[in-house]
């Protein structure tokens, strides 16, 4: 199936770099979604175990989610640069 998509892209004169850029942007978004989901799930589990530490857990969760989102945004920007050059 992937080979059929690659052949269609080559037939439509779309370079493989552009195809790679679009796939890379999609993977960056999927990876960020999985990462932020795991951070949120782990934070909720930690809050359930120790409700008195909710402030520290929330702060750590937000910092880590921002870092994951920042790296995903960087990946998407790099993929768009490849896509439009």
PDB file of N, CA and C in Angstrom:
ATOM      1  N   UNK A   1       0.822  -1.185   0.000  1.00  0.00           N
ATOM      2  CA  UNK A   1       0.000   0.000   0.000  1.00  0.00           C
ATOM      3  C   UNK A   1       0.870   1.253   0.000  1.00  0.00           C
ATOM      4  N   UNK A   2       1.923   1.249   0.818  1.00  0.00           N
ATOM      5  CA  UNK A   2       2.807   2.403   0.856  1.00  0.00           C
ATOM      6  C   UNK A   2       3.517   2.587  -0.473  1.00  0.00           C
ATOM      7  N   UNK A   3       3.886   1.476  -1.106  1.00  0.00           N
ATOM      8  CA  UNK A   3       4.555   1.577  -2.405  1.00  0.00           C
ATOM      9  C   UNK A   3       3.610   2.169  -3.454  1.00  0.00           C
ATOM     10  N   UNK A   4       2.323   1.869  -3.360  1.00  0.00           N
ATOM     11  CA  UNK A   4       1.362   2.441  -4.303  1.00  0.00           C
ATOM     12  C   UNK A   4       1.265   3.953  -4.109  1.00  0.00           C
ATOM     13  N   UNK A   5       1.300   4.396  -2.873  1.00  0.00           N
ATOM     14  CA  UNK A   5       1.247   5.833  -2.595  1.00  0.00           C
ATOM     15  C   UNK A   5       2.509   6.512  -3.125  1.00  0.00           C
ATOM     16  N   UNK A   6       3.660   5.880  -2.913  1.00  0.00           N
ATOM     17  CA  UNK A   6       4.910   6.446  -3.411  1.00  0.00           C
ATOM     18  C   UNK A   6       4.923   6.514  -4.932  1.00  0.00           C
ATOM     19  N   UNK A   7       4.400   5.486  -5.600  1.00  0.00           N
ATOM     20  CA  UNK A   7       4.345   5.499  -7.064  1.00  0.00           C
ATOM     21  C   UNK A   7       3.402   6.579  -7.572  1.00  0.00           C
ATOM     22  N   UNK A   8       2.278   6.775  -6.889  1.00  0.00           N
ATOM     23  CA  UNK A   8       1.352   7.827  -7.302  1.00  0.00           C
ATOM     24  C   UNK A   8       1.981   9.200  -7.111  1.00  0.00           C
ATOM     25  N   UNK A   9       2.733   9.360  -6.034  1.00  0.00           N
ATOM     26  CA  UNK A   9       3.391  10.639  -5.791  1.00  0.00           C
ATOM     27  C   UNK A   9       4.454  10.912  -6.851  1.00  0.00           C
ATOM     28  N   UNK A  10       5.197   9.884  -7.233  1.00  0.00           N
ATOM     29  CA  UNK A  10       6.222  10.049  -8.267  1.00  0.00           C
ATOM     30  C   UNK A  10       5.577  10.336  -9.612  1.00  0.00           C
ATOM     31  N   UNK A  11       4.440   9.706  -9.894  1.00  0.00           N
ATOM     32  CA  UNK A  11       3.752   9.926 -11.159  1.00  0.00           C
ATOM     33  C   UNK A  11       3.174  11.334 -11.242  1.00  0.00           C
ATOM     34  N   UNK A  12       2.806  11.882 -10.135  1.00  0.00           N
ATOM     35  CA  UNK A  12       2.231  13.227 -10.125  1.00  0.00           C
ATOM     36  C   UNK A  12       3.306  14.296 -10.023  1.00  0.00           C
ATOM     37  N   UNK A  13       4.559  13.922 -10.264  1.00  0.00           N
ATOM     38  CA  UNK A  13       5.723  14.812 -10.218  1.00  0.00           C
ATOM     39  C   UNK A  13       5.889  15.489  -8.861  1.00  0.00           C
ATOM     40  N   UNK A  14       5.494  14.792  -7.846  1.00  0.00           N
ATOM     41  CA  UNK A  14       5.708  15.286  -6.478  1.00  0.00           C
ATOM     42  C   UNK A  14       6.982  14.645  -5.966  1.00  0.00           C
ATOM     43  N   UNK A  15       7.906  15.448  -5.557  1.00  0.00           N
ATOM     44  CA  UNK A  15       9.196  14.888  -5.146  1.00  0.00           C
ATOM     45  C   UNK A  15       9.053  14.116  -3.841  1.00  0.00           C
ATOM     46  N   UNK A  16       9.961  13.188  -3.629  1.00  0.00           N
ATOM     47  CA  UNK A  16       9.922  12.389  -2.418  1.00  0.00           C
ATOM     48  C   UNK A  16      10.236  13.230  -1.184  1.00  0.00           C
ATOM     49  N   UNK A  17      10.955  14.335  -1.366  1.00  0.00           N
ATOM     50  CA  UNK A  17      11.231  15.216  -0.235  1.00  0.00           C
ATOM     51  C   UNK A  17       9.939  15.846   0.279  1.00  0.00           C
ATOM     52  N   UNK A  18       9.071  16.218  -0.625  1.00  0.00           N
ATOM     53  CA  UNK A  18       7.797  16.798  -0.201  1.00  0.00           C
ATOM     54  C   UNK A  18       6.919  15.751   0.468  1.00  0.00           C
ATOM     55  N   UNK A  19       6.942  14.548  -0.066  1.00  0.00           N
ATOM     56  CA  UNK A  19       6.188  13.470   0.554  1.00  0.00           C
ATOM     57  C   UNK A  19       6.731  13.175   1.949  1.00  0.00           C
ATOM     58  N   UNK A  20       8.051  13.172   2.066  1.00  0.00           N
ATOM     59  CA  UNK A  20       8.672  12.958   3.369  1.00  0.00           C
ATOM     60  C   UNK A  20       8.348  14.067   4.348  1.00  0.00           C
ATOM     61  N   UNK A  21       8.261  15.296   3.861  1.00  0.00           N
ATOM     62  CA  UNK A  21       7.900  16.419   4.724  1.00  0.00           C
ATOM     63  C   UNK A  21       6.483  16.298   5.267  1.00  0.00           C
ATOM     64  N   UNK A  22       5.562  15.870   4.423  1.00  0.00           N
ATOM     65  CA  UNK A  22       4.181  15.716   4.899  1.00  0.00           C
ATOM     66  C   UNK A  22       4.058  14.549   5.873  1.00  0.00           C
ATOM     67  N   UNK A  23       4.748  13.446   5.590  1.00  0.00           N
ATOM     68  CA  UNK A  23       4.711  12.310   6.514  1.00  0.00           C
ATOM     69  C   UNK A  23       5.371  12.684   7.836  1.00  0.00           C
ATOM     70  N   UNK A  24       6.477  13.429   7.750  1.00  0.00           N
ATOM     71  CA  UNK A  24       7.166  13.862   8.968  1.00  0.00           C
ATOM     72  C   UNK A  24       6.321  14.775   9.827  1.00  0.00           C
ATOM     73  N   UNK A  25       5.582  15.686   9.198  1.00  0.00           N
ATOM     74  CA  UNK A  25       4.707  16.576   9.963  1.00  0.00           C
ATOM     75  C   UNK A  25       3.601  15.781  10.647  1.00  0.00           C
ATOM     76  N   UNK A  26       3.056  14.806   9.952  1.00  0.00           N
ATOM     77  CA  UNK A  26       2.030  13.962  10.558  1.00  0.00           C
ATOM     78  C   UNK A  26       2.556  13.159  11.727  1.00  0.00           C
ATOM     79  N   UNK A  27       3.760  12.604  11.579  1.00  0.00           N
ATOM     80  CA  UNK A  27       4.360  11.837  12.664  1.00  0.00           C
ATOM     81  C   UNK A  27       4.685  12.721  13.868  1.00  0.00           C
ATOM     82  N   UNK A  28       5.093  13.967  13.610  1.00  0.00           N
ATOM     83  CA  UNK A  28       5.377  14.888  14.712  1.00  0.00           C
ATOM     84  C   UNK A  28       4.107  15.182  15.505  1.00  0.00           C
ATOM     85  N   UNK A  29       3.005  15.364  14.821  1.00  0.00           N
ATOM     86  CA  UNK A  29       1.734  15.630  15.503  1.00  0.00           C
ATOM     87  C   UNK A  29       1.267  14.403  16.281  1.00  0.00           C
ATOM     88  N   UNK A  30       1.384  13.232  15.668  1.00  0.00           N
ATOM     89  CA  UNK A  30       0.971  12.000  16.357  1.00  0.00           C
ATOM     90  C   UNK A  30       1.839  11.765  17.593  1.00  0.00           C
ATOM     91  N   UNK A  31       3.140  11.959  17.451  1.00  0.00           N
ATOM     92  CA  UNK A  31       4.043  11.777  18.586  1.00  0.00           C
ATOM     93  C   UNK A  31       3.756  12.743  19.719  1.00  0.00           C
ATOM     94  N   UNK A  32       3.463  13.986  19.384  1.00  0.00           N
ATOM     95  CA  UNK A  32       3.135  14.966  20.417  1.00  0.00           C
ATOM     96  C   UNK A  32       1.831  14.609  21.115  1.00  0.00           C
ATOM     97  N   UNK A  33       0.855  14.148  20.359  1.00  0.00           N
ATOM     98  CA  UNK A  33      -0.421  13.761  20.966  1.00  0.00           C
ATOM     99  C   UNK A  33      -0.261  12.595  21.922  1.00  0.00           C
ATOM    100  N   UNK A  34       0.533  11.615  21.528  1.00  0.00           N
ATOM    101  CA  UNK A  34       0.780  10.469  22.403  1.00  0.00           C
ATOM    102  C   UNK A  34       1.539  10.910  23.649  1.00  0.00           C
ATOM    103  N   UNK A  35       2.552  11.759  23.462  1.00  0.00           N
ATOM    104  CA  UNK A  35       3.354  12.218  24.592  1.00  0.00           C
ATOM    105  C   UNK A  35       2.550  13.021  25.596  1.00  0.00           C
ATOM    106  N   UNK A  36       1.750  13.942  25.117  1.00  0.00           N
ATOM    107  CA  UNK A  36       0.943  14.764  26.019  1.00  0.00           C
ATOM    108  C   UNK A  36      -0.127  13.915  26.695  1.00  0.00           C
ATOM    109  N   UNK A  37      -0.669  12.943  25.979  1.00  0.00           N
ATOM    110  CA  UNK A  37      -1.642  12.033  26.584  1.00  0.00           C
ATOM    111  C   UNK A  37      -1.038  11.211  27.710  1.00  0.00           C
ATOM    112  N   UNK A  38       0.179  10.734  27.494  1.00  0.00           N
ATOM    113  CA  UNK A  38       0.851   9.966  28.549  1.00  0.00           C
ATOM    114  C   UNK A  38       1.181  10.851  29.751  1.00  0.00           C
ATOM    115  N   UNK A  39       1.586  12.081  29.492  1.00  0.00           N
ATOM    116  CA  UNK A  39       1.885  13.008  30.593  1.00  0.00           C
ATOM    117  C   UNK A  39       0.624  13.272  31.403  1.00  0.00           C
ATOM    118  N   UNK A  40      -0.481  13.551  30.719  1.00  0.00           N
ATOM    119  CA  UNK A  40      -1.740  13.822  31.415  1.00  0.00           C
ATOM    120  C   UNK A  40      -2.234  12.624  32.199  1.00  0.00           C
ATOM    121  N   UNK A  41      -2.152  11.450  31.596  1.00  0.00           N
ATOM    122  CA  UNK A  41      -2.595  10.238  32.289  1.00  0.00           C
ATOM    123  C   UNK A  41      -1.763   9.942  33.519  1.00  0.00           C
ATOM    124  N   UNK A  42      -0.448  10.096  33.393  1.00  0.00           N
ATOM    125  CA  UNK A  42       0.425   9.848  34.539  1.00  0.00           C
ATOM    126  C   UNK A  42       0.201  10.881  35.636  1.00  0.00           C
ATOM    127  N   UNK A  43      -0.054  12.128  35.254  1.00  0.00           N
ATOM    128  CA  UNK A  43      -0.308  13.169  36.252  1.00  0.00           C
ATOM    129  C   UNK A  43      -1.613  12.894  36.993  1.00  0.00           C
ATOM    130  N   UNK A  44      -2.639  12.463  36.279  1.00  0.00           N
ATOM    131  CA  UNK A  44      -3.906  12.156  36.952  1.00  0.00           C
ATOM    132  C   UNK A  44      -3.758  10.969  37.904  1.00  0.00           C
ATOM    133  N   UNK A  45      -2.970   9.992  37.502  1.00  0.00           N
ATOM    134  CA  UNK A  45      -2.718   8.849  38.372  1.00  0.00           C
ATOM    135  C   UNK A  45      -1.950   9.275  39.623  1.00  0.00           C
ATOM    136  N   UNK A  46      -0.971  10.162  39.441  1.00  0.00           N
ATOM    137  CA  UNK A  46      -0.198  10.639  40.589  1.00  0.00           C
ATOM    138  C   UNK A  46      -1.054  11.478  41.525  1.00  0.00           C
ATOM    139  N   UNK A  47      -1.947  12.284  40.965  1.00  0.00           N
ATOM    140  CA  UNK A  47      -2.842  13.088  41.804  1.00  0.00           C
ATOM    141  C   UNK A  47      -3.797  12.175  42.563  1.00  0.00           C
ATOM    142  N   UNK A  48      -4.239  11.112  41.917  1.00  0.00           N
ATOM    143  CA  UNK A  48      -5.121  10.162  42.595  1.00  0.00           C
ATOM    144  C   UNK A  48      -4.419   9.461  43.751  1.00  0.00           C
ATOM    145  N   UNK A  49      -3.141   9.218  43.609  1.00  0.00           N
ATOM    146  CA  UNK A  49      -2.402   8.558  44.680  1.00  0.00           C
ATOM    147  C   UNK A  49      -2.046   9.504  45.815  1.00  0.00           C
ATOM    148  N   UNK A  50      -1.746  10.775  45.465  1.00  0.00           N
ATOM    149  CA  UNK A  50      -1.324  11.729  46.475  1.00  0.00           C
ATOM    150  C   UNK A  50      -1.982  13.087  46.206  1.00  0.00           C
ATOM    151  N   UNK A  51      -3.220  13.263  46.643  1.00  0.00           N
ATOM    152  CA  UNK A  51      -3.942  14.510  46.350  1.00  0.00           C
ATOM    153  C   UNK A  51      -3.319  15.751  46.979  1.00  0.00           C
ATOM    154  N   UNK A  52      -2.527  15.587  48.003  1.00  0.00           N
ATOM    155  CA  UNK A  52      -1.942  16.756  48.655  1.00  0.00           C
ATOM    156  C   UNK A  52      -0.845  17.408  47.801  1.00  0.00           C
ATOM    157  N   UNK A  53      -0.333  16.707  46.818  1.00  0.00           N
ATOM    158  CA  UNK A  53       0.739  17.240  45.973  1.00  0.00           C
ATOM    159  C   UNK A  53       0.221  17.732  44.626  1.00  0.00           C
ATOM    160  N   UNK A  54      -1.030  18.139  44.574  1.00  0.00           N
ATOM    161  CA  UNK A  54      -1.648  18.501  43.296  1.00  0.00           C
ATOM    162  C   UNK A  54      -0.963  19.696  42.635  1.00  0.00           C
ATOM    163  N   UNK A  55      -0.535  20.664  43.417  1.00  0.00           N
ATOM    164  CA  UNK A  55       0.106  21.852  42.843  1.00  0.00           C
ATOM    165  C   UNK A  55       1.428  21.534  42.167  1.00  0.00           C
ATOM    166  N   UNK A  56       2.265  20.751  42.838  1.00  0.00           N
ATOM    167  CA  UNK A  56       3.558  20.387  42.261  1.00  0.00           C
ATOM    168  C   UNK A  56       3.389  19.505  41.026  1.00  0.00           C
ATOM    169  N   UNK A  57       2.454  18.590  41.089  1.00  0.00           N
ATOM    170  CA  UNK A  57       2.233  17.683  39.956  1.00  0.00           C
ATOM    171  C   UNK A  57       1.705  18.460  38.756  1.00  0.00           C
ATOM    172  N   UNK A  58       0.777  19.367  39.001  1.00  0.00           N
ATOM    173  CA  UNK A  58       0.208  20.159  37.907  1.00  0.00           C
ATOM    174  C   UNK A  58       1.277  21.026  37.246  1.00  0.00           C
ATOM    175  N   UNK A  59       2.131  21.640  38.064  1.00  0.00           N
ATOM    176  CA  UNK A  59       3.191  22.483  37.518  1.00  0.00           C
ATOM    177  C   UNK A  59       4.149  21.666  36.656  1.00  0.00           C
ATOM    178  N   UNK A  60       4.554  20.521  37.165  1.00  0.00           N
ATOM    179  CA  UNK A  60       5.457  19.654  36.392  1.00  0.00           C
ATOM    180  C   UNK A  60       4.791  19.167  35.110  1.00  0.00           C
ATOM    181  N   UNK A  61       3.504  18.853  35.191  1.00  0.00           N
ATOM    182  CA  UNK A  61       2.772  18.379  34.022  1.00  0.00           C
ATOM    183  C   UNK A  61       2.719  19.465  32.944  1.00  0.00           C
ATOM    184  N   UNK A  62       2.428  20.691  33.324  1.00  0.00           N
ATOM    185  CA  UNK A  62       2.339  21.772  32.346  1.00  0.00           C
ATOM    186  C   UNK A  62       3.688  22.079  31.712  1.00  0.00           C
ATOM    187  N   UNK A  63       4.749  22.034  32.504  1.00  0.00           N
ATOM    188  CA  UNK A  63       6.080  22.287  31.949  1.00  0.00           C
ATOM    189  C   UNK A  63       6.452  21.201  30.945  1.00  0.00           C
ATOM    190  N   UNK A  64       6.220  19.952  31.297  1.00  0.00           N
ATOM    191  CA  UNK A  64       6.564  18.863  30.389  1.00  0.00           C
ATOM    192  C   UNK A  64       5.702  18.890  29.127  1.00  0.00           C
ATOM    193  N   UNK A  65       4.422  19.195  29.266  1.00  0.00           N
ATOM    194  CA  UNK A  65       3.546  19.277  28.089  1.00  0.00           C
ATOM    195  C   UNK A  65       3.998  20.408  27.165  1.00  0.00           C
ATOM    196  N   UNK A  66       4.426  21.521  27.731  1.00  0.00           N
ATOM    197  CA  UNK A  66       4.911  22.634  26.909  1.00  0.00           C
ATOM    198  C   UNK A  66       6.191  22.252  26.172  1.00  0.00           C
ATOM    199  N   UNK A  67       7.072  21.501  26.831  1.00  0.00           N
ATOM    200  CA  UNK A  67       8.299  21.064  26.169  1.00  0.00           C
ATOM    201  C   UNK A  67       8.004  20.096  25.027  1.00  0.00           C
ATOM    202  N   UNK A  68       7.076  19.176  25.249  1.00  0.00           N
ATOM    203  CA  UNK A  68       6.711  18.229  24.189  1.00  0.00           C
ATOM    204  C   UNK A  68       6.072  18.969  23.019  1.00  0.00           C
ATOM    205  N   UNK A  69       5.206  19.903  23.311  1.00  0.00           N
ATOM    206  CA  UNK A  69       4.542  20.651  22.250  1.00  0.00           C
ATOM    207  C   UNK A  69       5.531  21.531  21.494  1.00  0.00           C
ATOM    208  N   UNK A  70       6.508  22.081  22.208  1.00  0.00           N
ATOM    209  CA  UNK A  70       7.530  22.895  21.553  1.00  0.00           C
ATOM    210  C   UNK A  70       8.375  22.097  20.590  1.00  0.00           C
ATOM    211  N   UNK A  71       8.777  20.907  20.992  1.00  0.00           N
ATOM    212  CA  UNK A  71       9.572  20.076  20.084  1.00  0.00           C
ATOM    213  C   UNK A  71       8.736  19.609  18.893  1.00  0.00           C
ATOM    214  N   UNK A  72       7.466  19.334  19.123  1.00  0.00           N
ATOM    215  CA  UNK A  72       6.596  18.945  18.006  1.00  0.00           C
ATOM    216  C   UNK A  72       6.422  20.106  17.034  1.00  0.00           C
ATOM    217  N   UNK A  73       6.264  21.309  17.554  1.00  0.00           N
ATOM    218  CA  UNK A  73       6.132  22.484  16.692  1.00  0.00           C
ATOM    219  C   UNK A  73       7.403  22.699  15.885  1.00  0.00           C
ATOM    220  N   UNK A  74       8.554  22.493  16.521  1.00  0.00           N
ATOM    221  CA  UNK A  74       9.824  22.612  15.807  1.00  0.00           C
ATOM    222  C   UNK A  74       9.891  21.584  14.675  1.00  0.00           C
ATOM    223  N   UNK A  75       9.476  20.360  14.949  1.00  0.00           N
ATOM    224  CA  UNK A  75       9.472  19.324  13.920  1.00  0.00           C
ATOM    225  C   UNK A  75       8.548  19.663  12.764  1.00  0.00           C
ATOM    226  N   UNK A  76       7.387  20.208  13.075  1.00  0.00           N
ATOM    227  CA  UNK A  76       6.434  20.577  12.026  1.00  0.00           C
ATOM    228  C   UNK A  76       6.977  21.714  11.174  1.00  0.00           C
ATOM    229  N   UNK A  77       7.628  22.690  11.803  1.00  0.00           N
ATOM    230  CA  UNK A  77       8.206  23.805  11.053  1.00  0.00           C
ATOM    231  C   UNK A  77       9.296  23.306  10.108  1.00  0.00           C
ATOM    232  N   UNK A  78      10.140  22.404  10.586  1.00  0.00           N
ATOM    233  CA  UNK A  78      11.186  21.848   9.724  1.00  0.00           C
ATOM    234  C   UNK A  78      10.556  21.086   8.556  1.00  0.00           C
ATOM    235  N   UNK A  79       9.510  20.318   8.822  1.00  0.00           N
ATOM    236  CA  UNK A  79       8.846  19.585   7.741  1.00  0.00           C
ATOM    237  C   UNK A  79       8.200  20.531   6.738  1.00  0.00           C
ATOM    238  N   UNK A  80       7.615  21.624   7.210  1.00  0.00           N
ATOM    239  CA  UNK A  80       7.022  22.591   6.278  1.00  0.00           C
ATOM    240  C   UNK A  80       8.090  23.312   5.481  1.00  0.00           C
ATOM    241  N   UNK A  81       9.250  23.544   6.080  1.00  0.00           N
ATOM    242  CA  UNK A  81      10.342  24.145   5.316  1.00  0.00           C
ATOM    243  C   UNK A  81      10.789  23.232   4.185  1.00  0.00           C
ATOM    244  N   UNK A  82      10.846  21.939   4.461  1.00  0.00           N
ATOM    245  CA  UNK A  82      11.183  20.974   3.408  1.00  0.00           C
ATOM    246  C   UNK A  82      10.087  20.937   2.358  1.00  0.00           C
ATOM    247  N   UNK A  83       8.841  21.028   2.802  1.00  0.00           N
ATOM    248  CA  UNK A  83       7.708  20.932   1.900  1.00  0.00           C
ATOM    249  C   UNK A  83       7.643  22.097   0.923  1.00  0.00           C
ATOM    250  N   UNK A  84       7.968  23.306   1.365  1.00  0.00           N
ATOM    251  CA  UNK A  84       7.801  24.481   0.521  1.00  0.00           C
ATOM    252  C   UNK A  84       9.092  24.972  -0.111  1.00  0.00           C
ATOM    253  N   UNK A  85      10.130  24.164  -0.075  1.00  0.00           N
ATOM    254  CA  UNK A  85      11.375  24.581  -0.771  1.00  0.00           C
ATOM    255  C   UNK A  85      11.644  23.712  -1.951  1.00  0.00           C
TER     256      UNK A  85
END
